[in-house]
Amino acid sequence: MDYVKVTSASQVSEGALVPVEAAGLKLLVTKVGGTYYATQRKCPHLGFNLCRGKIEGESVVCALHKAKFDLKTGQIERDPRLLFIGMKAKTDLTTYPVKETDGDIYVAVPSATQR
């Protein structure tokens, strides 16, 4: 895994869902309780942009079907729902290690040979 600079820390306010790219991967970065998190940008259910969702505690909620994923582990905390129809999320959300260095945010992503 290689750490790639994705944005400056000043661009990621508490609770914001910020779209970024790292090594060709479309990700989102957020900050909750002063900790930065990075995940895949698309919901694993139907591929909706999670940057349009919201933060609940230490989780991200998809705006389309309300699926809820833990930002630390990516685990599904609530399956998708449409009105009264319950569904199953296909997979957990992919998460990536994040670090802040000198006011910049870096995300660890697999190198092209590791994908």
PDB file of N, CA and C in Angstrom:
ATOM      1  N   MET A   1       0.850  -1.179   0.000  1.00  0.00           N
ATOM      2  CA  MET A   1       0.000   0.000   0.000  1.00  0.00           C
ATOM      3  C   MET A   1       0.893   1.238   0.000  1.00  0.00           C
ATOM      4  N   ASP A   2       0.499   2.185  -0.817  1.00  0.00           N
ATOM      5  CA  ASP A   2       1.225   3.447  -0.908  1.00  0.00           C
ATOM      6  C   ASP A   2       0.321   4.573  -0.416  1.00  0.00           C
ATOM      7  N   TYR A   3       0.876   5.461   0.409  1.00  0.00           N
ATOM      8  CA  TYR A   3       0.114   6.632   0.848  1.00  0.00           C
ATOM      9  C   TYR A   3       0.170   7.697  -0.246  1.00  0.00           C
ATOM     10  N   VAL A   4      -1.013   8.206  -0.605  1.00  0.00           N
ATOM     11  CA  VAL A   4      -1.150   9.201  -1.656  1.00  0.00           C
ATOM     12  C   VAL A   4      -1.832  10.428  -1.071  1.00  0.00           C
ATOM     13  N   LYS A   5      -1.279  11.607  -1.345  1.00  0.00           N
ATOM     14  CA  LYS A   5      -1.913  12.847  -0.887  1.00  0.00           C
ATOM     15  C   LYS A   5      -3.212  13.048  -1.669  1.00  0.00           C
ATOM     16  N   VAL A   6      -4.310  13.299  -0.914  1.00  0.00           N
ATOM     17  CA  VAL A   6      -5.608  13.471  -1.567  1.00  0.00           C
ATOM     18  C   VAL A   6      -6.191  14.867  -1.399  1.00  0.00           C
ATOM     19  N   THR A   7      -5.845  15.566  -0.321  1.00  0.00           N
ATOM     20  CA  THR A   7      -6.380  16.904  -0.077  1.00  0.00           C
ATOM     21  C   THR A   7      -5.659  17.506   1.117  1.00  0.00           C
ATOM     22  N   SER A   8      -5.953  18.750   1.387  1.00  0.00           N
ATOM     23  CA  SER A   8      -5.412  19.365   2.596  1.00  0.00           C
ATOM     24  C   SER A   8      -6.415  19.176   3.735  1.00  0.00           C
ATOM     25  N   ALA A   9      -5.918  19.125   4.938  1.00  0.00           N
ATOM     26  CA  ALA A   9      -6.785  18.919   6.107  1.00  0.00           C
ATOM     27  C   ALA A   9      -7.803  20.042   6.240  1.00  0.00           C
ATOM     28  N   SER A  10      -7.458  21.224   5.803  1.00  0.00           N
ATOM     29  CA  SER A  10      -8.389  22.357   5.907  1.00  0.00           C
ATOM     30  C   SER A  10      -9.614  22.185   5.012  1.00  0.00           C
ATOM     31  N   GLN A  11      -9.554  21.291   4.033  1.00  0.00           N
ATOM     32  CA  GLN A  11     -10.679  21.047   3.129  1.00  0.00           C
ATOM     33  C   GLN A  11     -11.670  20.010   3.678  1.00  0.00           C
ATOM     34  N   VAL A  12     -11.333  19.394   4.815  1.00  0.00           N
ATOM     35  CA  VAL A  12     -12.181  18.337   5.377  1.00  0.00           C
ATOM     36  C   VAL A  12     -12.676  18.792   6.740  1.00  0.00           C
ATOM     37  N   SER A  13     -13.819  19.443   6.754  1.00  0.00           N
ATOM     38  CA  SER A  13     -14.384  19.895   8.025  1.00  0.00           C
ATOM     39  C   SER A  13     -15.094  18.734   8.720  1.00  0.00           C
ATOM     40  N   GLU A  14     -15.292  18.863   9.998  1.00  0.00           N
ATOM     41  CA  GLU A  14     -15.945  17.839  10.806  1.00  0.00           C
ATOM     42  C   GLU A  14     -17.299  17.460  10.196  1.00  0.00           C
ATOM     43  N   GLY A  15     -17.471  16.162   9.908  1.00  0.00           N
ATOM     44  CA  GLY A  15     -18.736  15.653   9.387  1.00  0.00           C
ATOM     45  C   GLY A  15     -18.957  15.827   7.899  1.00  0.00           C
ATOM     46  N   ALA A  16     -18.048  16.499   7.190  1.00  0.00           N
ATOM     47  CA  ALA A  16     -18.193  16.675   5.739  1.00  0.00           C
ATOM     48  C   ALA A  16     -17.820  15.384   5.024  1.00  0.00           C
ATOM     49  N   LEU A  17     -18.441  15.130   3.887  1.00  0.00           N
ATOM     50  CA  LEU A  17     -18.130  13.983   3.041  1.00  0.00           C
ATOM     51  C   LEU A  17     -17.476  14.534   1.778  1.00  0.00           C
ATOM     52  N   VAL A  18     -16.165  14.432   1.715  1.00  0.00           N
ATOM     53  CA  VAL A  18     -15.387  15.091   0.672  1.00  0.00           C
ATOM     54  C   VAL A  18     -14.958  14.083  -0.399  1.00  0.00           C
ATOM     55  N   PRO A  19     -15.341  14.294  -1.663  1.00  0.00           N
ATOM     56  CA  PRO A  19     -14.897  13.397  -2.724  1.00  0.00           C
ATOM     57  C   PRO A  19     -13.437  13.653  -3.078  1.00  0.00           C
ATOM     58  N   VAL A  20     -12.670  12.580  -3.187  1.00  0.00           N
ATOM     59  CA  VAL A  20     -11.253  12.675  -3.568  1.00  0.00           C
ATOM     60  C   VAL A  20     -10.928  11.513  -4.504  1.00  0.00           C
ATOM     61  N   GLU A  21      -9.755  11.589  -5.129  1.00  0.00           N
ATOM     62  CA  GLU A  21      -9.251  10.478  -5.928  1.00  0.00           C
ATOM     63  C   GLU A  21      -7.832  10.166  -5.501  1.00  0.00           C
ATOM     64  N   ALA A  22      -7.507   8.883  -5.495  1.00  0.00           N
ATOM     65  CA  ALA A  22      -6.154   8.438  -5.147  1.00  0.00           C
ATOM     66  C   ALA A  22      -5.803   7.259  -6.035  1.00  0.00           C
ATOM     67  N   ALA A  23      -4.775   7.417  -6.833  1.00  0.00           N
ATOM     68  CA  ALA A  23      -4.300   6.356  -7.723  1.00  0.00           C
ATOM     69  C   ALA A  23      -5.437   5.788  -8.572  1.00  0.00           C
ATOM     70  N   GLY A  24      -6.313   6.660  -9.060  1.00  0.00           N
ATOM     71  CA  GLY A  24      -7.411   6.244  -9.913  1.00  0.00           C
ATOM     72  C   GLY A  24      -8.635   5.741  -9.183  1.00  0.00           C
ATOM     73  N   LEU A  25      -8.600   5.664  -7.864  1.00  0.00           N
ATOM     74  CA  LEU A  25      -9.745   5.220  -7.073  1.00  0.00           C
ATOM     75  C   LEU A  25     -10.566   6.424  -6.631  1.00  0.00           C
ATOM     76  N   LYS A  26     -11.883   6.327  -6.785  1.00  0.00           N
ATOM     77  CA  LYS A  26     -12.780   7.390  -6.324  1.00  0.00           C
ATOM     78  C   LYS A  26     -13.166   7.084  -4.876  1.00  0.00           C
ATOM     79  N   LEU A  27     -12.770   7.983  -3.986  1.00  0.00           N
ATOM     80  CA  LEU A  27     -12.953   7.788  -2.549  1.00  0.00           C
ATOM     81  C   LEU A  27     -13.698   8.952  -1.939  1.00  0.00           C
ATOM     82  N   LEU A  28     -14.080   8.770  -0.684  1.00  0.00           N
ATOM     83  CA  LEU A  28     -14.553   9.894   0.114  1.00  0.00           C
ATOM     84  C   LEU A  28     -13.711   9.955   1.368  1.00  0.00           C
ATOM     85  N   VAL A  29     -13.487  11.165   1.844  1.00  0.00           N
ATOM     86  CA  VAL A  29     -12.756  11.395   3.089  1.00  0.00           C
ATOM     87  C   VAL A  29     -13.666  12.191   3.996  1.00  0.00           C
ATOM     88  N   THR A  30     -13.656  11.849   5.268  1.00  0.00           N
ATOM     89  CA  THR A  30     -14.440  12.580   6.249  1.00  0.00           C
ATOM     90  C   THR A  30     -13.658  12.666   7.549  1.00  0.00           C
ATOM     91  N   LYS A  31     -14.142  13.527   8.427  1.00  0.00           N
ATOM     92  CA  LYS A  31     -13.537  13.662   9.751  1.00  0.00           C
ATOM     93  C   LYS A  31     -14.666  13.588  10.769  1.00  0.00           C
ATOM     94  N   VAL A  32     -14.520  12.666  11.720  1.00  0.00           N
ATOM     95  CA  VAL A  32     -15.514  12.480  12.772  1.00  0.00           C
ATOM     96  C   VAL A  32     -14.779  12.419  14.106  1.00  0.00           C
ATOM     97  N   GLY A  33     -15.144  13.298  15.030  1.00  0.00           N
ATOM     98  CA  GLY A  33     -14.495  13.320  16.335  1.00  0.00           C
ATOM     99  C   GLY A  33     -13.006  13.596  16.236  1.00  0.00           C
ATOM    100  N   GLY A  34     -12.605  14.340  15.197  1.00  0.00           N
ATOM    101  CA  GLY A  34     -11.202  14.677  15.013  1.00  0.00           C
ATOM    102  C   GLY A  34     -10.378  13.609  14.303  1.00  0.00           C
ATOM    103  N   THR A  35     -10.995  12.477  13.968  1.00  0.00           N
ATOM    104  CA  THR A  35     -10.312  11.383  13.274  1.00  0.00           C
ATOM    105  C   THR A  35     -10.733  11.372  11.812  1.00  0.00           C
ATOM    106  N   TYR A  36      -9.761  11.191  10.920  1.00  0.00           N
ATOM    107  CA  TYR A  36     -10.040  11.129   9.491  1.00  0.00           C
ATOM    108  C   TYR A  36     -10.303   9.689   9.061  1.00  0.00           C
ATOM    109  N   TYR A  37     -11.237   9.535   8.120  1.00  0.00           N
ATOM    110  CA  TYR A  37     -11.575   8.231   7.561  1.00  0.00           C
ATOM    111  C   TYR A  37     -11.629   8.346   6.048  1.00  0.00           C
ATOM    112  N   ALA A  38     -11.328   7.255   5.354  1.00  0.00           N
ATOM    113  CA  ALA A  38     -11.464   7.189   3.902  1.00  0.00           C
ATOM    114  C   ALA A  38     -12.137   5.874   3.538  1.00  0.00           C
ATOM    115  N   THR A  39     -13.086   5.959   2.604  1.00  0.00           N
ATOM    116  CA  THR A  39     -13.797   4.777   2.125  1.00  0.00           C
ATOM    117  C   THR A  39     -13.997   4.893   0.622  1.00  0.00           C
ATOM    118  N   GLN A  40     -14.445   3.793   0.030  1.00  0.00           N
ATOM    119  CA  GLN A  40     -14.868   3.876  -1.364  1.00  0.00           C
ATOM    120  C   GLN A  40     -16.007   4.874  -1.438  1.00  0.00           C
ATOM    121  N   ARG A  41     -16.160   5.532  -2.571  1.00  0.00           N
ATOM    122  CA  ARG A  41     -17.180   6.569  -2.709  1.00  0.00           C
ATOM    123  C   ARG A  41     -18.556   5.997  -3.048  1.00  0.00           C
ATOM    124  N   LYS A  42     -18.584   4.855  -3.724  1.00  0.00           N
ATOM    125  CA  LYS A  42     -19.865   4.278  -4.140  1.00  0.00           C
ATOM    126  C   LYS A  42     -20.405   3.319  -3.087  1.00  0.00           C
ATOM    127  N   CYS A  43     -21.695   3.430  -2.831  1.00  0.00           N
ATOM    128  CA  CYS A  43     -22.366   2.491  -1.929  1.00  0.00           C
ATOM    129  C   CYS A  43     -22.288   1.095  -2.542  1.00  0.00           C
ATOM    130  N   PRO A  44     -21.936   0.066  -1.759  1.00  0.00           N
ATOM    131  CA  PRO A  44     -21.837  -1.283  -2.310  1.00  0.00           C
ATOM    132  C   PRO A  44     -23.188  -1.884  -2.715  1.00  0.00           C
ATOM    133  N   HIS A  45     -24.279  -1.231  -2.350  1.00  0.00           N
ATOM    134  CA  HIS A  45     -25.596  -1.761  -2.702  1.00  0.00           C
ATOM    135  C   HIS A  45     -25.918  -1.503  -4.165  1.00  0.00           C
ATOM    136  N   LEU A  46     -26.048  -0.223  -4.553  1.00  0.00           N
ATOM    137  CA  LEU A  46     -26.369   0.100  -5.947  1.00  0.00           C
ATOM    138  C   LEU A  46     -25.410   1.123  -6.557  1.00  0.00           C
ATOM    139  N   GLY A  47     -24.335   1.426  -5.874  1.00  0.00           N
ATOM    140  CA  GLY A  47     -23.336   2.319  -6.434  1.00  0.00           C
ATOM    141  C   GLY A  47     -23.643   3.800  -6.306  1.00  0.00           C
ATOM    142  N   PHE A  48     -24.591   4.172  -5.451  1.00  0.00           N
ATOM    143  CA  PHE A  48     -24.921   5.589  -5.275  1.00  0.00           C
ATOM    144  C   PHE A  48     -23.758   6.309  -4.589  1.00  0.00           C
ATOM    145  N   ASN A  49     -23.559   7.569  -4.933  1.00  0.00           N
ATOM    146  CA  ASN A  49     -22.463   8.370  -4.390  1.00  0.00           C
ATOM    147  C   ASN A  49     -22.682   8.640  -2.894  1.00  0.00           C
ATOM    148  N   LEU A  50     -21.823   8.073  -2.053  1.00  0.00           N
ATOM    149  CA  LEU A  50     -21.965   8.251  -0.609  1.00  0.00           C
ATOM    150  C   LEU A  50     -21.673   9.671  -0.150  1.00  0.00           C
ATOM    151  N   CYS A  51     -21.026  10.481  -0.985  1.00  0.00           N
ATOM    152  CA  CYS A  51     -20.798  11.882  -0.618  1.00  0.00           C
ATOM    153  C   CYS A  51     -22.108  12.655  -0.526  1.00  0.00           C
ATOM    154  N   ARG A  52     -23.170  12.088  -1.059  1.00  0.00           N
ATOM    155  CA  ARG A  52     -24.506  12.700  -0.957  1.00  0.00           C
ATOM    156  C   ARG A  52     -25.248  12.233   0.287  1.00  0.00           C
ATOM    157  N   GLY A  53     -24.614  11.350   1.039  1.00  0.00           N
ATOM    158  CA  GLY A  53     -25.231  10.810   2.246  1.00  0.00           C
ATOM    159  C   GLY A  53     -24.984  11.699   3.446  1.00  0.00           C
ATOM    160  N   LYS A  54     -24.971  11.079   4.625  1.00  0.00           N
ATOM    161  CA  LYS A  54     -24.737  11.838   5.851  1.00  0.00           C
ATOM    162  C   LYS A  54     -23.997  10.967   6.856  1.00  0.00           C
ATOM    163  N   ILE A  55     -23.447  11.655   7.845  1.00  0.00           N
ATOM    164  CA  ILE A  55     -22.750  10.975   8.939  1.00  0.00           C
ATOM    165  C   ILE A  55     -23.721  10.790  10.093  1.00  0.00           C
ATOM    166  N   GLU A  56     -23.729   9.587  10.653  1.00  0.00           N
ATOM    167  CA  GLU A  56     -24.472   9.289  11.882  1.00  0.00           C
ATOM    168  C   GLU A  56     -23.479   8.634  12.826  1.00  0.00           C
ATOM    169  N   GLY A  57     -23.096   9.346  13.869  1.00  0.00           N
ATOM    170  CA  GLY A  57     -22.087   8.814  14.784  1.00  0.00           C
ATOM    171  C   GLY A  57     -20.789   8.608  14.036  1.00  0.00           C
ATOM    172  N   GLU A  58     -20.270   7.382  14.037  1.00  0.00           N
ATOM    173  CA  GLU A  58     -19.048   7.044  13.302  1.00  0.00           C
ATOM    174  C   GLU A  58     -19.382   6.181  12.093  1.00  0.00           C
ATOM    175  N   SER A  59     -20.509   6.507  11.451  1.00  0.00           N
ATOM    176  CA  SER A  59     -20.979   5.748  10.291  1.00  0.00           C
ATOM    177  C   SER A  59     -21.400   6.699   9.183  1.00  0.00           C
ATOM    178  N   VAL A  60     -21.398   6.178   7.955  1.00  0.00           N
ATOM    179  CA  VAL A  60     -21.908   6.922   6.808  1.00  0.00           C
ATOM    180  C   VAL A  60     -23.195   6.242   6.356  1.00  0.00           C
ATOM    181  N   VAL A  61     -24.189   7.077   6.017  1.00  0.00           N
ATOM    182  CA  VAL A  61     -25.496   6.579   5.593  1.00  0.00           C
ATOM    183  C   VAL A  61     -25.730   6.989   4.148  1.00  0.00           C
ATOM    184  N   CYS A  62     -26.082   6.021   3.309  1.00  0.00           N
ATOM    185  CA  CYS A  62     -26.378   6.279   1.909  1.00  0.00           C
ATOM    186  C   CYS A  62     -27.701   7.041   1.797  1.00  0.00           C
ATOM    187  N   ALA A  63     -27.700   8.113   1.014  1.00  0.00           N
ATOM    188  CA  ALA A  63     -28.903   8.934   0.848  1.00  0.00           C
ATOM    189  C   ALA A  63     -29.985   8.219   0.046  1.00  0.00           C
ATOM    190  N   LEU A  64     -29.626   7.264  -0.784  1.00  0.00           N
ATOM    191  CA  LEU A  64     -30.607   6.611  -1.646  1.00  0.00           C
ATOM    192  C   LEU A  64     -31.466   5.592  -0.907  1.00  0.00           C
ATOM    193  N   HIS A  65     -30.835   4.653  -0.219  1.00  0.00           N
ATOM    194  CA  HIS A  65     -31.579   3.573   0.436  1.00  0.00           C
ATOM    195  C   HIS A  65     -31.307   3.446   1.927  1.00  0.00           C
ATOM    196  N   LYS A  66     -30.613   4.412   2.500  1.00  0.00           N
ATOM    197  CA  LYS A  66     -30.369   4.473   3.954  1.00  0.00           C
ATOM    198  C   LYS A  66     -29.512   3.340   4.501  1.00  0.00           C
ATOM    199  N   ALA A  67     -28.760   2.661   3.643  1.00  0.00           N
ATOM    200  CA  ALA A  67     -27.806   1.664   4.139  1.00  0.00           C
ATOM    201  C   ALA A  67     -26.769   2.400   4.991  1.00  0.00           C
ATOM    202  N   LYS A  68     -26.332   1.774   6.073  1.00  0.00           N
ATOM    203  CA  LYS A  68     -25.419   2.417   7.025  1.00  0.00           C
ATOM    204  C   LYS A  68     -24.177   1.552   7.188  1.00  0.00           C
ATOM    205  N   PHE A  69     -22.985   2.207   7.102  1.00  0.00           N
ATOM    206  CA  PHE A  69     -21.715   1.497   7.161  1.00  0.00           C
ATOM    207  C   PHE A  69     -20.793   2.140   8.185  1.00  0.00           C
ATOM    208  N   ASP A  70     -20.107   1.316   8.965  1.00  0.00           N
ATOM    209  CA  ASP A  70     -19.129   1.777   9.938  1.00  0.00           C
ATOM    210  C   ASP A  70     -17.921   2.349   9.204  1.00  0.00           C
ATOM    211  N   LEU A  71     -17.516   3.569   9.550  1.00  0.00           N
ATOM    212  CA  LEU A  71     -16.389   4.216   8.878  1.00  0.00           C
ATOM    213  C   LEU A  71     -15.053   3.558   9.208  1.00  0.00           C
ATOM    214  N   LYS A  72     -14.923   2.955  10.377  1.00  0.00           N
ATOM    215  CA  LYS A  72     -13.660   2.317  10.765  1.00  0.00           C
ATOM    216  C   LYS A  72     -13.445   0.991  10.051  1.00  0.00           C
ATOM    217  N   THR A  73     -14.498   0.174  10.031  1.00  0.00           N
ATOM    218  CA  THR A  73     -14.367  -1.194   9.537  1.00  0.00           C
ATOM    219  C   THR A  73     -15.031  -1.421   8.183  1.00  0.00           C
ATOM    220  N   GLY A  74     -15.969  -0.558   7.816  1.00  0.00           N
ATOM    221  CA  GLY A  74     -16.733  -0.737   6.587  1.00  0.00           C
ATOM    222  C   GLY A  74     -17.903  -1.689   6.733  1.00  0.00           C
ATOM    223  N   GLN A  75     -18.067  -2.285   7.916  1.00  0.00           N
ATOM    224  CA  GLN A  75     -19.128  -3.266   8.107  1.00  0.00           C
ATOM    225  C   GLN A  75     -20.510  -2.639   7.975  1.00  0.00           C
ATOM    226  N   ILE A  76     -21.425  -3.429   7.431  1.00  0.00           N
ATOM    227  CA  ILE A  76     -22.813  -3.008   7.282  1.00  0.00           C
ATOM    228  C   ILE A  76     -23.447  -2.945   8.666  1.00  0.00           C
ATOM    229  N   GLU A  77     -24.004  -1.798   9.004  1.00  0.00           N
ATOM    230  CA  GLU A  77     -24.704  -1.647  10.280  1.00  0.00           C
ATOM    231  C   GLU A  77     -26.218  -1.640  10.093  1.00  0.00           C
ATOM    232  N   ARG A  78     -26.654  -1.263   8.879  1.00  0.00           N
ATOM    233  CA  ARG A  78     -28.086  -1.288   8.563  1.00  0.00           C
ATOM    234  C   ARG A  78     -28.213  -1.563   7.070  1.00  0.00           C
ATOM    235  N   ASP A  79     -28.984  -2.592   6.734  1.00  0.00           N
ATOM    236  CA  ASP A  79     -29.203  -2.926   5.326  1.00  0.00           C
ATOM    237  C   ASP A  79     -30.057  -1.859   4.651  1.00  0.00           C
ATOM    238  N   PRO A  80     -29.989  -1.778   3.325  1.00  0.00           N
ATOM    239  CA  PRO A  80     -30.773  -0.790   2.582  1.00  0.00           C
ATOM    240  C   PRO A  80     -32.274  -1.017   2.744  1.00  0.00           C
ATOM    241  N   ARG A  81     -33.033   0.082   2.591  1.00  0.00           N
ATOM    242  CA  ARG A  81     -34.497   0.004   2.640  1.00  0.00           C
ATOM    243  C   ARG A  81     -35.057   0.972   1.609  1.00  0.00           C
ATOM    244  N   LEU A  82     -36.113   0.579   0.986  1.00  0.00           N
ATOM    245  CA  LEU A  82     -36.855   1.453   0.080  1.00  0.00           C
ATOM    246  C   LEU A  82     -38.299   1.367   0.505  1.00  0.00           C
ATOM    247  N   LEU A  83     -38.784   2.462   1.070  1.00  0.00           N
ATOM    248  CA  LEU A  83     -40.115   2.495   1.672  1.00  0.00           C
ATOM    249  C   LEU A  83     -40.201   1.361   2.689  1.00  0.00           C
ATOM    250  N   PHE A  84     -41.003   0.343   2.427  1.00  0.00           N
ATOM    251  CA  PHE A  84     -41.154  -0.748   3.388  1.00  0.00           C
ATOM    252  C   PHE A  84     -40.470  -2.024   2.925  1.00  0.00           C
ATOM    253  N   ILE A  85     -39.699  -1.917   1.861  1.00  0.00           N
ATOM    254  CA  ILE A  85     -39.038  -3.086   1.293  1.00  0.00           C
ATOM    255  C   ILE A  85     -37.611  -3.177   1.838  1.00  0.00           C
ATOM    256  N   GLY A  86     -37.329  -4.240   2.549  1.00  0.00           N
ATOM    257  CA  GLY A  86     -35.977  -4.467   3.052  1.00  0.00           C
ATOM    258  C   GLY A  86     -35.127  -5.156   1.993  1.00  0.00           C
ATOM    259  N   MET A  87     -33.849  -4.815   1.944  1.00  0.00           N
ATOM    260  CA  MET A  87     -32.927  -5.399   0.973  1.00  0.00           C
ATOM    261  C   MET A  87     -31.660  -5.812   1.712  1.00  0.00           C
ATOM    262  N   LYS A  88     -30.756  -6.433   1.007  1.00  0.00           N
ATOM    263  CA  LYS A  88     -29.467  -6.806   1.575  1.00  0.00           C
ATOM    264  C   LYS A  88     -28.369  -6.075   0.830  1.00  0.00           C
ATOM    265  N   ALA A  89     -27.434  -5.492   1.579  1.00  0.00           N
ATOM    266  CA  ALA A  89     -26.255  -4.898   0.958  1.00  0.00           C
ATOM    267  C   ALA A  89     -25.399  -6.025   0.411  1.00  0.00           C
ATOM    268  N   LYS A  90     -24.763  -5.796  -0.735  1.00  0.00           N
ATOM    269  CA  LYS A  90     -23.972  -6.845  -1.389  1.00  0.00           C
ATOM    270  C   LYS A  90     -22.703  -7.165  -0.608  1.00  0.00           C
ATOM    271  N   THR A  91     -22.009  -6.125  -0.179  1.00  0.00           N
ATOM    272  CA  THR A  91     -20.747  -6.314   0.534  1.00  0.00           C
ATOM    273  C   THR A  91     -20.545  -5.175   1.521  1.00  0.00           C
ATOM    274  N   ASP A  92     -19.563  -5.340   2.383  1.00  0.00           N
ATOM    275  CA  ASP A  92     -19.174  -4.248   3.262  1.00  0.00           C
ATOM    276  C   ASP A  92     -18.529  -3.140   2.432  1.00  0.00           C
ATOM    277  N   LEU A  93     -18.418  -1.975   3.020  1.00  0.00           N
ATOM    278  CA  LEU A  93     -17.775  -0.826   2.399  1.00  0.00           C
ATOM    279  C   LEU A  93     -16.257  -0.992   2.529  1.00  0.00           C
ATOM    280  N   THR A  94     -15.508  -0.710   1.479  1.00  0.00           N
ATOM    281  CA  THR A  94     -14.055  -0.780   1.541  1.00  0.00           C
ATOM    282  C   THR A  94     -13.524   0.471   2.226  1.00  0.00           C
ATOM    283  N   THR A  95     -12.674   0.284   3.230  1.00  0.00           N
ATOM    284  CA  THR A  95     -12.063   1.410   3.946  1.00  0.00           C
ATOM    285  C   THR A  95     -10.565   1.425   3.678  1.00  0.00           C
ATOM    286  N   TYR A  96      -9.960   2.585   3.891  1.00  0.00           N
ATOM    287  CA  TYR A  96      -8.539   2.762   3.622  1.00  0.00           C
ATOM    288  C   TYR A  96      -7.883   3.489   4.789  1.00  0.00           C
ATOM    289  N   PRO A  97      -6.646   3.129   5.136  1.00  0.00           N
ATOM    290  CA  PRO A  97      -5.923   3.852   6.186  1.00  0.00           C
ATOM    291  C   PRO A  97      -5.684   5.312   5.770  1.00  0.00           C
ATOM    292  N   VAL A  98      -5.764   6.210   6.753  1.00  0.00           N
ATOM    293  CA  VAL A  98      -5.584   7.643   6.514  1.00  0.00           C
ATOM    294  C   VAL A  98      -4.585   8.185   7.512  1.00  0.00           C
ATOM    295  N   LYS A  99      -3.778   9.147   7.061  1.00  0.00           N
ATOM    296  CA  LYS A  99      -2.905   9.860   7.990  1.00  0.00           C
ATOM    297  C   LYS A  99      -2.868  11.329   7.586  1.00  0.00           C
ATOM    298  N   GLU A 100      -2.645  12.170   8.590  1.00  0.00           N
ATOM    299  CA  GLU A 100      -2.471  13.599   8.363  1.00  0.00           C
ATOM    300  C   GLU A 100      -1.010  13.933   8.641  1.00  0.00           C
ATOM    301  N   THR A 101      -0.375  14.592   7.693  1.00  0.00           N
ATOM    302  CA  THR A 101       1.018  14.992   7.838  1.00  0.00           C
ATOM    303  C   THR A 101       1.172  16.416   7.317  1.00  0.00           C
ATOM    304  N   ASP A 102       1.682  17.292   8.180  1.00  0.00           N
ATOM    305  CA  ASP A 102       1.954  18.683   7.791  1.00  0.00           C
ATOM    306  C   ASP A 102       0.750  19.355   7.132  1.00  0.00           C
ATOM    307  N   GLY A 103      -0.446  19.097   7.662  1.00  0.00           N
ATOM    308  CA  GLY A 103      -1.648  19.750   7.157  1.00  0.00           C
ATOM    309  C   GLY A 103      -2.239  19.140   5.899  1.00  0.00           C
ATOM    310  N   ASP A 104      -1.715  17.990   5.473  1.00  0.00           N
ATOM    311  CA  ASP A 104      -2.246  17.301   4.298  1.00  0.00           C
ATOM    312  C   ASP A 104      -2.791  15.934   4.699  1.00  0.00           C
ATOM    313  N   ILE A 105      -3.784  15.462   3.931  1.00  0.00           N
ATOM    314  CA  ILE A 105      -4.397  14.157   4.172  1.00  0.00           C
ATOM    315  C   ILE A 105      -3.869  13.171   3.135  1.00  0.00           C
ATOM    316  N   TYR A 106      -3.401  12.022   3.618  1.00  0.00           N
ATOM    317  CA  TYR A 106      -2.883  10.953   2.778  1.00  0.00           C
ATOM    318  C   TYR A 106      -3.711   9.697   3.020  1.00  0.00           C
ATOM    319  N   VAL A 107      -4.002   8.978   1.948  1.00  0.00           N
ATOM    320  CA  VAL A 107      -4.756   7.729   2.029  1.00  0.00           C
ATOM    321  C   VAL A 107      -3.891   6.604   1.463  1.00  0.00           C
ATOM    322  N   ALA A 108      -3.850   5.482   2.169  1.00  0.00           N
ATOM    323  CA  ALA A 108      -3.101   4.311   1.705  1.00  0.00           C
ATOM    324  C   ALA A 108      -3.966   3.518   0.746  1.00  0.00           C
ATOM    325  N   VAL A 109      -3.490   3.394  -0.486  1.00  0.00           N
ATOM    326  CA  VAL A 109      -4.219   2.634  -1.496  1.00  0.00           C
ATOM    327  C   VAL A 109      -3.285   1.592  -2.093  1.00  0.00           C
ATOM    328  N   PRO A 110      -3.868   0.496  -2.594  1.00  0.00           N
ATOM    329  CA  PRO A 110      -3.023  -0.526  -3.215  1.00  0.00           C
ATOM    330  C   PRO A 110      -2.349   0.036  -4.464  1.00  0.00           C
ATOM    331  N   SER A 111      -1.122  -0.351  -4.705  1.00  0.00           N
ATOM    332  CA  SER A 111      -0.446   0.059  -5.927  1.00  0.00           C
ATOM    333  C   SER A 111      -1.101  -0.669  -7.094  1.00  0.00           C
ATOM    334  N   ALA A 112      -0.843  -0.222  -8.284  1.00  0.00           N
ATOM    335  CA  ALA A 112      -1.461  -0.831  -9.474  1.00  0.00           C
ATOM    336  C   ALA A 112      -1.170  -2.325  -9.558  1.00  0.00           C
ATOM    337  N   THR A 113      -0.008  -2.755  -9.117  1.00  0.00           N
ATOM    338  CA  THR A 113       0.337  -4.173  -9.181  1.00  0.00           C
ATOM    339  C   THR A 113      -0.382  -5.003  -8.114  1.00  0.00           C
ATOM    340  N   GLN A 114      -0.919  -4.338  -7.071  1.00  0.00           N
ATOM    341  CA  GLN A 114      -1.621  -5.052  -5.994  1.00  0.00           C
ATOM    342  C   GLN A 114      -3.119  -5.166  -6.265  1.00  0.00           C
ATOM    343  N   ARG A 115      -3.627  -4.511  -7.308  1.00  0.00           N
ATOM    344  CA  ARG A 115      -5.074  -4.558  -7.595  1.00  0.00           C
ATOM    345  C   ARG A 115      -5.430  -5.715  -8.471  1.00  0.00           C
TER     346      ARG A 115
END
